[in-house]
PDB file of N, CA and C in Angstrom:
ATOM      1  N   LEU A   1       0.803  -1.244  -0.048  1.00  0.00           N
ATOM      2  CA  LEU A   1       0.019  -0.027   0.043  1.00  0.00           C
ATOM      3  C   LEU A   1       0.859   1.222  -0.002  1.00  0.00           C
ATOM      4  N   GLN A   2       2.011   1.217   0.519  1.00  0.00           N
ATOM      5  CA  GLN A   2       2.927   2.385   0.752  1.00  0.00           C
ATOM      6  C   GLN A   2       3.325   2.829  -0.705  1.00  0.00           C
ATOM      7  N   ASN A   3       3.574   1.872  -1.620  1.00  0.00           N
ATOM      8  CA  ASN A   3       3.979   2.144  -2.890  1.00  0.00           C
ATOM      9  C   ASN A   3       2.833   2.447  -3.938  1.00  0.00           C
ATOM     10  N   LYS A   4       1.649   2.574  -3.442  1.00  0.00           N
ATOM     11  CA  LYS A   4       0.457   2.840  -4.220  1.00  0.00           C
ATOM     12  C   LYS A   4       0.244   1.772  -5.211  1.00  0.00           C
ATOM     13  N   ASN A   5       0.637   0.536  -5.033  1.00  0.00           N
ATOM     14  CA  ASN A   5       0.388  -0.595  -5.896  1.00  0.00           C
ATOM     15  C   ASN A   5      -0.861  -1.230  -5.294  1.00  0.00           C
ATOM     16  N   TYR A   6      -2.003  -0.563  -5.613  1.00  0.00           N
ATOM     17  CA  TYR A   6      -3.193  -1.040  -4.970  1.00  0.00           C
ATOM     18  C   TYR A   6      -3.724  -2.421  -5.527  1.00  0.00           C
ATOM     19  N   LYS A   7      -3.548  -2.528  -6.820  1.00  0.00           N
ATOM     20  CA  LYS A   7      -4.049  -3.844  -7.487  1.00  0.00           C
ATOM     21  C   LYS A   7      -3.285  -5.059  -6.878  1.00  0.00           C
ATOM     22  N   ARG A   8      -1.991  -4.821  -6.781  1.00  0.00           N
ATOM     23  CA  ARG A   8      -1.172  -5.902  -6.244  1.00  0.00           C
ATOM     24  C   ARG A   8      -1.488  -6.215  -4.790  1.00  0.00           C
ATOM     25  N   ALA A   9      -1.720  -5.167  -4.072  1.00  0.00           N
ATOM     26  CA  ALA A   9      -2.036  -5.317  -2.647  1.00  0.00           C
ATOM     27  C   ALA A   9      -3.333  -6.062  -2.463  1.00  0.00           C
ATOM     28  N   ILE A  10      -4.433  -5.602  -3.257  1.00  0.00           N
ATOM     29  CA  ILE A  10      -5.698  -6.180  -3.210  1.00  0.00           C
ATOM     30  C   ILE A  10      -5.580  -7.764  -3.547  1.00  0.00           C
ATOM     31  N   SER A  11      -4.847  -8.019  -4.561  1.00  0.00           N
ATOM     32  CA  SER A  11      -4.612  -9.495  -4.911  1.00  0.00           C
ATOM     33  C   SER A  11      -4.007 -10.204  -3.910  1.00  0.00           C
ATOM     34  N   ALA A  12      -2.917  -9.735  -3.279  1.00  0.00           N
ATOM     35  CA  ALA A  12      -2.252 -10.357  -2.245  1.00  0.00           C
ATOM     36  C   ALA A  12      -3.051 -10.620  -0.956  1.00  0.00           C
ATOM     37  N   PHE A  13      -3.804  -9.609  -0.674  1.00  0.00           N
ATOM     38  CA  PHE A  13      -4.642  -9.713   0.609  1.00  0.00           C
ATOM     39  C   PHE A  13      -5.857 -10.667   0.324  1.00  0.00           C
ATOM     40  N   GLU A  14      -6.318 -10.639  -0.944  1.00  0.00           N
ATOM     41  CA  GLU A  14      -7.469 -11.577  -1.235  1.00  0.00           C
ATOM     42  C   GLU A  14      -6.944 -13.033  -1.244  1.00  0.00           C
ATOM     43  N   THR A  15      -5.704 -13.222  -1.746  1.00  0.00           N
ATOM     44  CA  THR A  15      -5.081 -14.499  -1.594  1.00  0.00           C
ATOM     45  C   THR A  15      -4.959 -15.000  -0.193  1.00  0.00           C
ATOM     46  N   ALA A  16      -4.514 -14.048   0.638  1.00  0.00           N
ATOM     47  CA  ALA A  16      -4.385 -14.410   2.028  1.00  0.00           C
ATOM     48  C   ALA A  16      -5.769 -14.773   2.712  1.00  0.00           C
ATOM     49  N   GLN A  17      -6.818 -14.174   2.223  1.00  0.00           N
ATOM     50  CA  GLN A  17      -8.167 -14.521   2.753  1.00  0.00           C
ATOM     51  C   GLN A  17      -8.510 -15.897   2.297  1.00  0.00           C
ATOM     52  N   THR A  18      -8.135 -16.251   1.092  1.00  0.00           N
ATOM     53  CA  THR A  18      -8.547 -17.590   0.600  1.00  0.00           C
ATOM     54  C   THR A  18      -7.751 -18.656   1.318  1.00  0.00           C
ATOM     55  N   VAL A  19      -6.585 -18.419   1.700  1.00  0.00           N
ATOM     56  CA  VAL A  19      -5.694 -19.315   2.510  1.00  0.00           C
ATOM     57  C   VAL A  19      -6.285 -19.401   3.916  1.00  0.00           C
ATOM     58  N   ASP A  20      -6.656 -18.245   4.504  1.00  0.00           N
ATOM     59  CA  ASP A  20      -7.164 -18.220   5.826  1.00  0.00           C
ATOM     60  C   ASP A  20      -8.418 -17.260   5.925  1.00  0.00           C
ATOM     61  N   PRO A  21      -9.576 -17.785   5.684  1.00  0.00           N
ATOM     62  CA  PRO A  21     -10.746 -16.907   5.700  1.00  0.00           C
ATOM     63  C   PRO A  21     -11.025 -16.175   7.012  1.00  0.00           C
ATOM     64  N   THR A  22     -10.502 -16.597   8.042  1.00  0.00           N
ATOM     65  CA  THR A  22     -10.622 -16.001   9.300  1.00  0.00           C
ATOM     66  C   THR A  22      -9.626 -14.880   9.607  1.00  0.00           C
ATOM     67  N   HIS A  23      -8.720 -14.579   8.700  1.00  0.00           N
ATOM     68  CA  HIS A  23      -7.716 -13.637   8.900  1.00  0.00           C
ATOM     69  C   HIS A  23      -8.331 -12.199   8.660  1.00  0.00           C
ATOM     70  N   GLU A  24      -8.624 -11.652   9.792  1.00  0.00           N
ATOM     71  CA  GLU A  24      -9.360 -10.378   9.866  1.00  0.00           C
ATOM     72  C   GLU A  24      -8.423  -9.198   9.317  1.00  0.00           C
ATOM     73  N   LEU A  25      -7.207  -9.301   9.582  1.00  0.00           N
ATOM     74  CA  LEU A  25      -6.330  -8.134   9.108  1.00  0.00           C
ATOM     75  C   LEU A  25      -6.308  -8.115   7.531  1.00  0.00           C
ATOM     76  N   SER A  26      -6.289  -9.278   6.908  1.00  0.00           N
ATOM     77  CA  SER A  26      -6.279  -9.199   5.455  1.00  0.00           C
ATOM     78  C   SER A  26      -7.585  -8.622   4.835  1.00  0.00           C
ATOM     79  N   ARG A  27      -8.713  -8.887   5.439  1.00  0.00           N
ATOM     80  CA  ARG A  27      -9.924  -8.319   5.085  1.00  0.00           C
ATOM     81  C   ARG A  27      -9.894  -6.806   5.163  1.00  0.00           C
ATOM     82  N   ILE A  28      -9.400  -6.330   6.246  1.00  0.00           N
ATOM     83  CA  ILE A  28      -9.362  -4.834   6.541  1.00  0.00           C
ATOM     84  C   ILE A  28      -8.380  -4.290   5.531  1.00  0.00           C
ATOM     85  N   TYR A  29      -7.252  -4.826   5.230  1.00  0.00           N
ATOM     86  CA  TYR A  29      -6.317  -4.310   4.277  1.00  0.00           C
ATOM     87  C   TYR A  29      -6.866  -4.302   2.889  1.00  0.00           C
ATOM     88  N   VAL A  30      -7.702  -5.279   2.422  1.00  0.00           N
ATOM     89  CA  VAL A  30      -8.398  -5.329   1.183  1.00  0.00           C
ATOM     90  C   VAL A  30      -9.295  -4.079   1.056  1.00  0.00           C
ATOM     91  N   GLU A  31     -10.067  -3.859   2.108  1.00  0.00           N
ATOM     92  CA  GLU A  31     -10.974  -2.652   2.185  1.00  0.00           C
ATOM     93  C   GLU A  31     -10.114  -1.325   2.057  1.00  0.00           C
ATOM     94  N   ILE A  32      -9.076  -1.302   2.818  1.00  0.00           N
ATOM     95  CA  ILE A  32      -8.317   0.037   2.701  1.00  0.00           C
ATOM     96  C   ILE A  32      -7.739   0.147   1.255  1.00  0.00           C
ATOM     97  N   ALA A  33      -7.185  -0.923   0.648  1.00  0.00           N
ATOM     98  CA  ALA A  33      -6.576  -0.772  -0.554  1.00  0.00           C
ATOM     99  C   ALA A  33      -7.614  -0.408  -1.596  1.00  0.00           C
ATOM    100  N   ARG A  34      -8.879  -0.955  -1.552  1.00  0.00           N
ATOM    101  CA  ARG A  34      -9.877  -0.714  -2.483  1.00  0.00           C
ATOM    102  C   ARG A  34     -10.290   0.808  -2.316  1.00  0.00           C
ATOM    103  N   LYS A  35     -10.424   1.274  -1.138  1.00  0.00           N
ATOM    104  CA  LYS A  35     -10.781   2.640  -0.846  1.00  0.00           C
ATOM    105  C   LYS A  35      -9.725   3.564  -1.438  1.00  0.00           C
ATOM    106  N   GLN A  36      -8.454   3.239  -1.178  1.00  0.00           N
ATOM    107  CA  GLN A  36      -7.336   4.183  -1.715  1.00  0.00           C
ATOM    108  C   GLN A  36      -7.279   4.083  -3.260  1.00  0.00           C
ATOM    109  N   LEU A  37      -7.586   2.938  -3.788  1.00  0.00           N
ATOM    110  CA  LEU A  37      -7.608   2.826  -5.280  1.00  0.00           C
ATOM    111  C   LEU A  37      -8.707   3.753  -5.787  1.00  0.00           C
ATOM    112  N   GLU A  38      -9.881   3.675  -5.241  1.00  0.00           N
ATOM    113  CA  GLU A  38     -10.983   4.491  -5.541  1.00  0.00           C
ATOM    114  C   GLU A  38     -10.676   6.003  -5.512  1.00  0.00           C
ATOM    115  N   GLU A  39      -9.994   6.374  -4.407  1.00  0.00           N
ATOM    116  CA  GLU A  39      -9.591   7.754  -4.259  1.00  0.00           C
ATOM    117  C   GLU A  39      -8.576   8.238  -5.366  1.00  0.00           C
ATOM    118  N   GLU A  40      -7.694   7.354  -5.663  1.00  0.00           N
ATOM    119  CA  GLU A  40      -6.674   7.685  -6.725  1.00  0.00           C
ATOM    120  C   GLU A  40      -7.355   7.852  -8.058  1.00  0.00           C
ATOM    121  N   VAL A  41      -8.300   6.949  -8.362  1.00  0.00           N
ATOM    122  CA  VAL A  41      -8.996   7.024  -9.579  1.00  0.00           C
ATOM    123  C   VAL A  41      -9.805   8.329  -9.600  1.00  0.00           C
ATOM    124  N   THR A  42     -10.558   8.692  -8.645  1.00  0.00           N
ATOM    125  CA  THR A  42     -11.337   9.906  -8.573  1.00  0.00           C
ATOM    126  C   THR A  42     -10.480  11.142  -8.775  1.00  0.00           C
ATOM    127  N   TYR A  43      -9.348  11.162  -7.976  1.00  0.00           N
ATOM    128  CA  TYR A  43      -8.377  12.266  -8.074  1.00  0.00           C
ATOM    129  C   TYR A  43      -7.867  12.453  -9.590  1.00  0.00           C
ATOM    130  N   ASN A  44      -7.483  11.343 -10.231  1.00  0.00           N
ATOM    131  CA  ASN A  44      -6.957  11.503 -11.557  1.00  0.00           C
ATOM    132  C   ASN A  44      -8.039  11.736 -12.491  1.00  0.00           C
ATOM    133  N   TYR A  45      -9.290  11.334 -12.403  1.00  0.00           N
ATOM    134  CA  TYR A  45     -10.340  11.711 -13.291  1.00  0.00           C
ATOM    135  C   TYR A  45     -10.718  13.115 -13.176  1.00  0.00           C
ATOM    136  N   ARG A  46     -10.842  13.649 -11.948  1.00  0.00           N
ATOM    137  CA  ARG A  46     -11.130  15.059 -11.754  1.00  0.00           C
ATOM    138  C   ARG A  46     -10.023  15.957 -12.305  1.00  0.00           C
ATOM    139  N   ALA A  47      -8.778  15.536 -12.014  1.00  0.00           N
ATOM    140  CA  ALA A  47      -7.603  16.310 -12.643  1.00  0.00           C
ATOM    141  C   ALA A  47      -7.612  16.400 -14.136  1.00  0.00           C
ATOM    142  N   ALA A  48      -8.082  15.281 -14.723  1.00  0.00           N
ATOM    143  CA  ALA A  48      -8.186  15.233 -16.254  1.00  0.00           C
ATOM    144  C   ALA A  48      -9.264  16.193 -16.653  1.00  0.00           C
ATOM    145  N   ILE A  49     -10.430  16.241 -16.002  1.00  0.00           N
ATOM    146  CA  ILE A  49     -11.375  17.190 -16.386  1.00  0.00           C
ATOM    147  C   ILE A  49     -10.945  18.559 -16.226  1.00  0.00           C
ATOM    148  N   ALA A  50     -10.259  18.889 -15.076  1.00  0.00           N
ATOM    149  CA  ALA A  50      -9.787  20.258 -14.903  1.00  0.00           C
ATOM    150  C   ALA A  50      -8.796  20.555 -15.951  1.00  0.00           C
ATOM    151  N   ALA A  51      -7.889  19.643 -16.357  1.00  0.00           N
ATOM    152  CA  ALA A  51      -6.868  19.954 -17.429  1.00  0.00           C
ATOM    153  C   ALA A  51      -7.574  20.102 -18.762  1.00  0.00           C
ATOM    154  N   VAL A  52      -8.595  19.479 -19.073  1.00  0.00           N
ATOM    155  CA  VAL A  52      -9.387  19.668 -20.295  1.00  0.00           C
ATOM    156  C   VAL A  52     -10.019  21.123 -20.264  1.00  0.00           C
ATOM    157  N   ASN A  53     -10.578  21.529 -19.196  1.00  0.00           N
ATOM    158  CA  ASN A  53     -11.113  22.862 -19.008  1.00  0.00           C
ATOM    159  C   ASN A  53     -10.148  23.880 -19.104  1.00  0.00           C
ATOM    160  N   ALA A  54      -8.903  23.606 -18.807  1.00  0.00           N
ATOM    161  CA  ALA A  54      -7.762  24.609 -18.874  1.00  0.00           C
ATOM    162  C   ALA A  54      -7.097  24.504 -20.223  1.00  0.00           C
ATOM    163  N   HIS A  55      -7.626  23.676 -21.119  1.00  0.00           N
ATOM    164  CA  HIS A  55      -7.096  23.439 -22.488  1.00  0.00           C
ATOM    165  C   HIS A  55      -5.648  22.801 -22.416  1.00  0.00           C
ATOM    166  N   ARG A  56      -5.421  22.050 -21.472  1.00  0.00           N
ATOM    167  CA  ARG A  56      -4.142  21.372 -21.291  1.00  0.00           C
ATOM    168  C   ARG A  56      -4.412  19.916 -21.578  1.00  0.00           C
ATOM    169  N   LEU A  57      -4.547  19.617 -22.979  1.00  0.00           N
ATOM    170  CA  LEU A  57      -5.132  18.348 -23.359  1.00  0.00           C
ATOM    171  C   LEU A  57      -4.034  17.214 -23.206  1.00  0.00           C
ATOM    172  N   LYS A  58      -2.710  17.527 -23.366  1.00  0.00           N
ATOM    173  CA  LYS A  58      -1.750  16.531 -23.172  1.00  0.00           C
ATOM    174  C   LYS A  58      -1.762  15.989 -21.708  1.00  0.00           C
ATOM    175  N   LEU A  59      -1.836  17.014 -20.805  1.00  0.00           N
ATOM    176  CA  LEU A  59      -1.890  16.608 -19.369  1.00  0.00           C
ATOM    177  C   LEU A  59      -3.264  15.869 -19.081  1.00  0.00           C
ATOM    178  N   ALA A  60      -4.277  16.277 -19.684  1.00  0.00           N
ATOM    179  CA  ALA A  60      -5.560  15.562 -19.511  1.00  0.00           C
ATOM    180  C   ALA A  60      -5.463  14.053 -19.936  1.00  0.00           C
ATOM    181  N   ARG A  61      -4.904  13.910 -21.132  1.00  0.00           N
ATOM    182  CA  ARG A  61      -4.609  12.571 -21.606  1.00  0.00           C
ATOM    183  C   ARG A  61      -3.823  11.729 -20.641  1.00  0.00           C
ATOM    184  N   GLY A  62      -2.874  12.263 -20.042  1.00  0.00           N
ATOM    185  CA  GLY A  62      -2.066  11.518 -19.079  1.00  0.00           C
ATOM    186  C   GLY A  62      -2.876  11.220 -17.915  1.00  0.00           C
ATOM    187  N   TYR A  63      -3.737  12.013 -17.360  1.00  0.00           N
ATOM    188  CA  TYR A  63      -4.651  11.700 -16.242  1.00  0.00           C
ATOM    189  C   TYR A  63      -5.639  10.559 -16.675  1.00  0.00           C
ATOM    190  N   TYR A  64      -6.183  10.800 -17.782  1.00  0.00           N
ATOM    191  CA  TYR A  64      -7.200   9.715 -18.289  1.00  0.00           C
ATOM    192  C   TYR A  64      -6.512   8.416 -18.406  1.00  0.00           C
ATOM    193  N   GLN A  65      -5.346   8.308 -18.963  1.00  0.00           N
ATOM    194  CA  GLN A  65      -4.523   7.104 -19.096  1.00  0.00           C
ATOM    195  C   GLN A  65      -4.261   6.550 -17.844  1.00  0.00           C
ATOM    196  N   THR A  66      -3.888   7.252 -16.802  1.00  0.00           N
ATOM    197  CA  THR A  66      -3.682   6.764 -15.503  1.00  0.00           C
ATOM    198  C   THR A  66      -4.984   6.140 -14.929  1.00  0.00           C
ATOM    199  N   VAL A  67      -6.126   6.775 -15.093  1.00  0.00           N
ATOM    200  CA  VAL A  67      -7.418   6.071 -14.702  1.00  0.00           C
ATOM    201  C   VAL A  67      -7.486   4.706 -15.368  1.00  0.00           C
ATOM    202  N   ILE A  68      -7.300   4.717 -16.608  1.00  0.00           N
ATOM    203  CA  ILE A  68      -7.503   3.442 -17.396  1.00  0.00           C
ATOM    204  C   ILE A  68      -6.457   2.340 -16.888  1.00  0.00           C
ATOM    205  N   ARG A  69      -5.199   2.774 -16.527  1.00  0.00           N
ATOM    206  CA  ARG A  69      -4.293   1.833 -16.009  1.00  0.00           C
ATOM    207  C   ARG A  69      -4.653   1.320 -14.698  1.00  0.00           C
ATOM    208  N   LEU A  70      -5.123   2.240 -13.797  1.00  0.00           N
ATOM    209  CA  LEU A  70      -5.503   1.845 -12.494  1.00  0.00           C
ATOM    210  C   LEU A  70      -6.795   0.819 -12.555  1.00  0.00           C
ATOM    211  N   LEU A  71      -7.617   0.956 -13.565  1.00  0.00           N
ATOM    212  CA  LEU A  71      -8.738   0.113 -13.745  1.00  0.00           C
ATOM    213  C   LEU A  71      -8.724  -0.933 -14.726  1.00  0.00           C
ATOM    214  N   GLU A  72      -7.526  -1.278 -15.121  1.00  0.00           N
ATOM    215  CA  GLU A  72      -7.381  -2.189 -16.202  1.00  0.00           C
ATOM    216  C   GLU A  72      -8.008  -3.552 -15.942  1.00  0.00           C
ATOM    217  N   THR A  73      -8.122  -3.924 -14.645  1.00  0.00           N
ATOM    218  CA  THR A  73      -8.788  -5.202 -14.324  1.00  0.00           C
ATOM    219  C   THR A  73     -10.299  -5.007 -14.192  1.00  0.00           C
ATOM    220  N   ASP A  74     -10.729  -3.831 -14.419  1.00  0.00           N
ATOM    221  CA  ASP A  74     -12.273  -3.535 -14.283  1.00  0.00           C
ATOM    222  C   ASP A  74     -12.656  -2.643 -15.398  1.00  0.00           C
ATOM    223  N   PRO A  75     -12.634  -3.225 -16.661  1.00  0.00           N
ATOM    224  CA  PRO A  75     -12.918  -2.287 -17.829  1.00  0.00           C
ATOM    225  C   PRO A  75     -14.303  -1.863 -17.972  1.00  0.00           C
ATOM    226  N   GLN A  76     -15.177  -2.391 -17.178  1.00  0.00           N
ATOM    227  CA  GLN A  76     -16.533  -1.881 -17.180  1.00  0.00           C
ATOM    228  C   GLN A  76     -16.901  -0.867 -16.105  1.00  0.00           C
ATOM    229  N   ASN A  77     -15.893  -0.459 -15.398  1.00  0.00           N
ATOM    230  CA  ASN A  77     -16.013   0.470 -14.445  1.00  0.00           C
ATOM    231  C   ASN A  77     -16.314   1.849 -15.216  1.00  0.00           C
ATOM    232  N   GLU A  78     -17.177   2.605 -14.487  1.00  0.00           N
ATOM    233  CA  GLU A  78     -17.702   3.884 -15.178  1.00  0.00           C
ATOM    234  C   GLU A  78     -16.534   4.797 -15.488  1.00  0.00           C
ATOM    235  N   TYR A  79     -15.587   5.016 -14.541  1.00  0.00           N
ATOM    236  CA  TYR A  79     -14.490   5.854 -14.811  1.00  0.00           C
ATOM    237  C   TYR A  79     -13.611   5.266 -15.902  1.00  0.00           C
ATOM    238  N   HIS A  80     -13.431   4.034 -15.997  1.00  0.00           N
ATOM    239  CA  HIS A  80     -12.627   3.540 -17.086  1.00  0.00           C
ATOM    240  C   HIS A  80     -13.313   3.743 -18.436  1.00  0.00           C
ATOM    241  N   LEU A  81     -14.563   3.485 -18.522  1.00  0.00           N
ATOM    242  CA  LEU A  81     -15.280   3.805 -19.749  1.00  0.00           C
ATOM    243  C   LEU A  81     -15.275   5.224 -20.114  1.00  0.00           C
ATOM    244  N   LYS A  82     -15.506   6.116 -19.136  1.00  0.00           N
ATOM    245  CA  LYS A  82     -15.575   7.551 -19.453  1.00  0.00           C
ATOM    246  C   LYS A  82     -14.135   8.029 -19.836  1.00  0.00           C
ATOM    247  N   SER A  83     -13.125   7.482 -19.261  1.00  0.00           N
ATOM    248  CA  SER A  83     -11.784   7.824 -19.601  1.00  0.00           C
ATOM    249  C   SER A  83     -11.433   7.535 -21.025  1.00  0.00           C
ATOM    250  N   LYS A  84     -11.788   6.235 -21.370  1.00  0.00           N
ATOM    251  CA  LYS A  84     -11.556   5.824 -22.781  1.00  0.00           C
ATOM    252  C   LYS A  84     -12.370   6.674 -23.777  1.00  0.00           C
ATOM    253  N   GLU A  85     -13.575   7.012 -23.433  1.00  0.00           N
ATOM    254  CA  GLU A  85     -14.288   7.842 -24.278  1.00  0.00           C
ATOM    255  C   GLU A  85     -13.661   9.253 -24.437  1.00  0.00           C
ATOM    256  N   ALA A  86     -13.272   9.874 -23.278  1.00  0.00           N
ATOM    257  CA  ALA A  86     -12.584  11.123 -23.345  1.00  0.00           C
ATOM    258  C   ALA A  86     -11.336  11.114 -24.126  1.00  0.00           C
ATOM    259  N   ILE A  87     -10.541  10.001 -24.033  1.00  0.00           N
ATOM    260  CA  ILE A  87      -9.301   9.952 -24.955  1.00  0.00           C
ATOM    261  C   ILE A  87      -9.710   9.971 -26.414  1.00  0.00           C
ATOM    262  N   ASP A  88     -10.836   9.237 -26.690  1.00  0.00           N
ATOM    263  CA  ASP A  88     -11.225   9.094 -28.156  1.00  0.00           C
ATOM    264  C   ASP A  88     -11.566  10.497 -28.585  1.00  0.00           C
ATOM    265  N   LYS A  89     -12.225  11.291 -27.786  1.00  0.00           N
ATOM    266  CA  LYS A  89     -12.627  12.592 -28.123  1.00  0.00           C
ATOM    267  C   LYS A  89     -11.394  13.565 -28.369  1.00  0.00           C
ATOM    268  N   LEU A  90     -10.410  13.354 -27.519  1.00  0.00           N
ATOM    269  CA  LEU A  90      -9.139  14.038 -27.571  1.00  0.00           C
ATOM    270  C   LEU A  90      -8.493  13.790 -28.887  1.00  0.00           C
ATOM    271  N   ASP A  91      -8.579  12.574 -29.352  1.00  0.00           N
ATOM    272  CA  ASP A  91      -7.940  12.158 -30.607  1.00  0.00           C
ATOM    273  C   ASP A  91      -8.533  12.661 -31.896  1.00  0.00           C
ATOM    274  N   LYS A  92      -9.756  13.241 -31.684  1.00  0.00           N
ATOM    275  CA  LYS A  92     -10.447  13.750 -32.864  1.00  0.00           C
ATOM    276  C   LYS A  92     -10.083  15.216 -33.240  1.00  0.00           C
TER     277      LYS A  92
END
């Protein structure tokens, strides 16, 4: 979690839960990692919108790409879909 590798942390703690379903700390860490991932996605998505509004399109693209990368395991996520759509619009 300290390195902001939320996906890896979630995977590791979920694996720990399958090995020992009574391991309460792993459940707590999964919740924390998911919340931090969600916060990171929201921050980057909002930053992308602000960059578009400031006509800083290259910067916006970077933020949108970060959202997509953070959510690559959840391609149906609303922020993932909106970010892909926004990049398509930037390409036009």
